[in-house]
Amino acid sequence: MNPAVAILIMTAVALALAVGGLAMSALFSPNRWNRTKVESYECGSEPTRTTAADGRFPIKYYLVAMIFIIFDIEVVFLYPWAVSISAFGPELGVIALIDILLFVVLLTIPFVYLWRRGGLEY
């Protein structure tokens, strides 16, 4: 069997499961809304007046999450790169160095954005 056929079959099965799950949940889910379901949720405590009135949370929640994701992604991708560089040495060449420098520059852009917006000041 051609390897492309196996990939197409897996893609079709994944798509069928995703669409099927969404369709089944739309067909069989109870649609009873009440005040508690529609209300904003703030870590188990009662919502404050400022967030409950308009349903919005302060931007600090999202900035902290973004900082965590950026640090997490940076470590996840930089560690294997460092291991492969030490294993292969100069055989990877200048292209690998340019790639990782581009990656680090692209990770620095959100940090600069957060820093200028005051997301690192608590």
Protein backbone atom coordinates (compact mmCIF):
# COMPACT_ATOMS: atom_id res chain seq x y z
CA MET A 1 0.00 0.00 0.00
CA ASN A 2 1.18 3.50 -0.82
CA PRO A 3 2.12 5.52 2.32
CA ALA A 4 0.04 8.45 1.07
CA VAL A 5 -3.09 6.29 1.15
CA ALA A 6 -2.54 5.50 4.84
CA ILE A 7 -2.18 9.20 5.63
CA LEU A 8 -5.35 10.00 3.69
CA ILE A 9 -7.25 7.28 5.55
CA MET A 10 -6.06 8.58 8.94
CA THR A 11 -6.99 12.13 7.95
CA ALA A 12 -10.45 11.01 6.83
CA VAL A 13 -11.03 9.09 10.07
CA ALA A 14 -9.87 12.05 12.19
CA LEU A 15 -12.10 14.44 10.24
CA ALA A 16 -15.08 12.07 10.51
CA LEU A 17 -14.58 11.74 14.28
CA ALA A 18 -14.30 15.50 14.76
CA VAL A 19 -17.32 16.37 12.64
CA GLY A 20 -19.30 13.43 14.06
CA GLY A 21 -18.59 14.48 17.64
CA LEU A 22 -19.67 18.05 16.96
CA ALA A 23 -22.83 16.89 15.15
CA MET A 24 -23.79 14.43 17.90
CA SER A 25 -23.26 17.02 20.61
CA ALA A 26 -25.37 19.57 18.71
CA LEU A 27 -28.16 17.04 18.21
CA PHE A 28 -28.31 15.44 21.65
CA SER A 29 -27.13 18.09 24.11
CA PRO A 30 -29.68 19.73 26.42
CA ASN A 31 -30.15 23.39 25.58
CA ARG A 32 -31.38 24.65 28.93
CA TRP A 33 -29.66 27.93 29.75
CA ASN A 34 -29.89 29.57 33.15
CA ARG A 35 -28.20 32.50 34.85
CA THR A 36 -25.41 30.36 36.31
CA LYS A 37 -24.38 28.86 32.96
CA VAL A 38 -24.19 32.23 31.21
CA GLU A 39 -22.34 34.00 34.04
CA SER A 40 -18.55 34.57 33.85
CA TYR A 41 -16.45 32.19 35.93
CA GLU A 42 -13.56 33.51 38.01
CA CYS A 43 -11.66 30.68 39.68
CA GLY A 44 -14.53 29.49 41.88
CA SER A 45 -15.15 32.87 43.51
CA GLU A 46 -18.08 35.13 42.92
CA PRO A 47 -17.56 37.38 39.89
CA THR A 48 -16.79 41.00 40.65
CA ARG A 49 -19.04 43.78 39.45
CA THR A 50 -16.60 45.02 36.80
CA THR A 51 -16.21 41.69 35.04
CA ALA A 52 -19.72 40.34 35.56
CA ALA A 53 -21.31 43.43 34.05
CA ASP A 54 -19.65 43.17 30.64
CA GLY A 55 -18.31 39.59 30.70
CA ARG A 56 -14.70 40.66 30.19
CA PHE A 57 -11.63 39.84 32.23
CA PRO A 58 -8.62 42.13 32.70
CA ILE A 59 -5.93 41.71 30.04
CA LYS A 60 -3.41 40.63 32.71
CA TYR A 61 -4.90 37.10 32.69
CA TYR A 62 -4.16 36.72 29.01
CA LEU A 63 -0.71 38.30 29.20
CA VAL A 64 0.38 35.92 31.96
CA ALA A 65 -0.87 32.98 29.88
CA MET A 66 0.99 34.29 26.83
CA ILE A 67 4.23 34.64 28.81
CA PHE A 68 3.92 31.06 30.05
CA ILE A 69 3.26 29.70 26.56
CA ILE A 70 6.22 31.58 25.09
CA PHE A 71 8.61 30.30 27.79
CA ASP A 72 7.25 26.79 27.44
CA ILE A 73 7.57 26.71 23.65
CA GLU A 74 11.05 28.20 23.79
CA VAL A 75 12.33 25.54 26.16
CA VAL A 76 10.59 22.70 24.31
CA PHE A 77 12.17 23.65 20.99
CA LEU A 78 15.56 24.96 22.13
CA TYR A 79 16.52 21.91 24.21
CA PRO A 80 16.38 19.35 21.35
CA TRP A 81 18.18 21.81 19.10
CA ALA A 82 21.01 22.15 21.63
CA VAL A 83 21.27 18.36 21.97
CA SER A 84 21.40 17.88 18.20
CA ILE A 85 24.06 20.58 17.83
CA SER A 86 26.25 18.88 20.43
CA ALA A 87 25.74 15.48 18.78
CA PHE A 88 26.39 16.52 15.17
CA GLY A 89 28.74 19.42 15.75
CA PRO A 90 29.68 21.57 12.76
CA GLU A 91 27.99 19.20 10.29
CA LEU A 92 24.69 21.07 10.64
CA GLY A 93 26.35 24.20 9.36
CA VAL A 94 25.33 27.79 9.04
CA ILE A 95 21.78 27.00 7.92
CA ALA A 96 20.93 25.49 11.32
CA LEU A 97 22.41 28.52 13.08
CA ILE A 98 20.35 30.90 10.92
CA ASP A 99 17.23 28.83 11.59
CA ILE A 100 17.62 28.93 15.35
CA LEU A 101 18.48 32.64 15.33
CA LEU A 102 15.31 33.31 13.34
CA PHE A 103 13.36 31.22 15.87
CA VAL A 104 14.79 33.18 18.82
CA VAL A 105 14.05 36.50 17.08
CA LEU A 106 10.46 35.42 16.46
CA LEU A 107 10.14 34.53 20.16
CA THR A 108 11.60 37.88 21.19
CA ILE A 109 8.88 39.87 19.39
CA PRO A 110 6.08 38.88 21.83
CA PHE A 111 8.38 39.58 24.79
CA VAL A 112 9.07 43.09 23.52
CA TYR A 113 5.34 43.60 22.94
CA LEU A 114 4.50 42.49 26.50
CA TRP A 115 7.29 44.56 27.96
CA ARG A 116 6.18 47.74 26.16
CA ARG A 117 2.53 47.12 27.10
CA GLY A 118 3.48 46.75 30.78
CA GLY A 119 2.62 43.06 31.00
CA LEU A 120 5.72 42.27 33.04
CA GLU A 121 4.93 44.84 35.75
CA TYR A 122 2.81 43.60 38.64
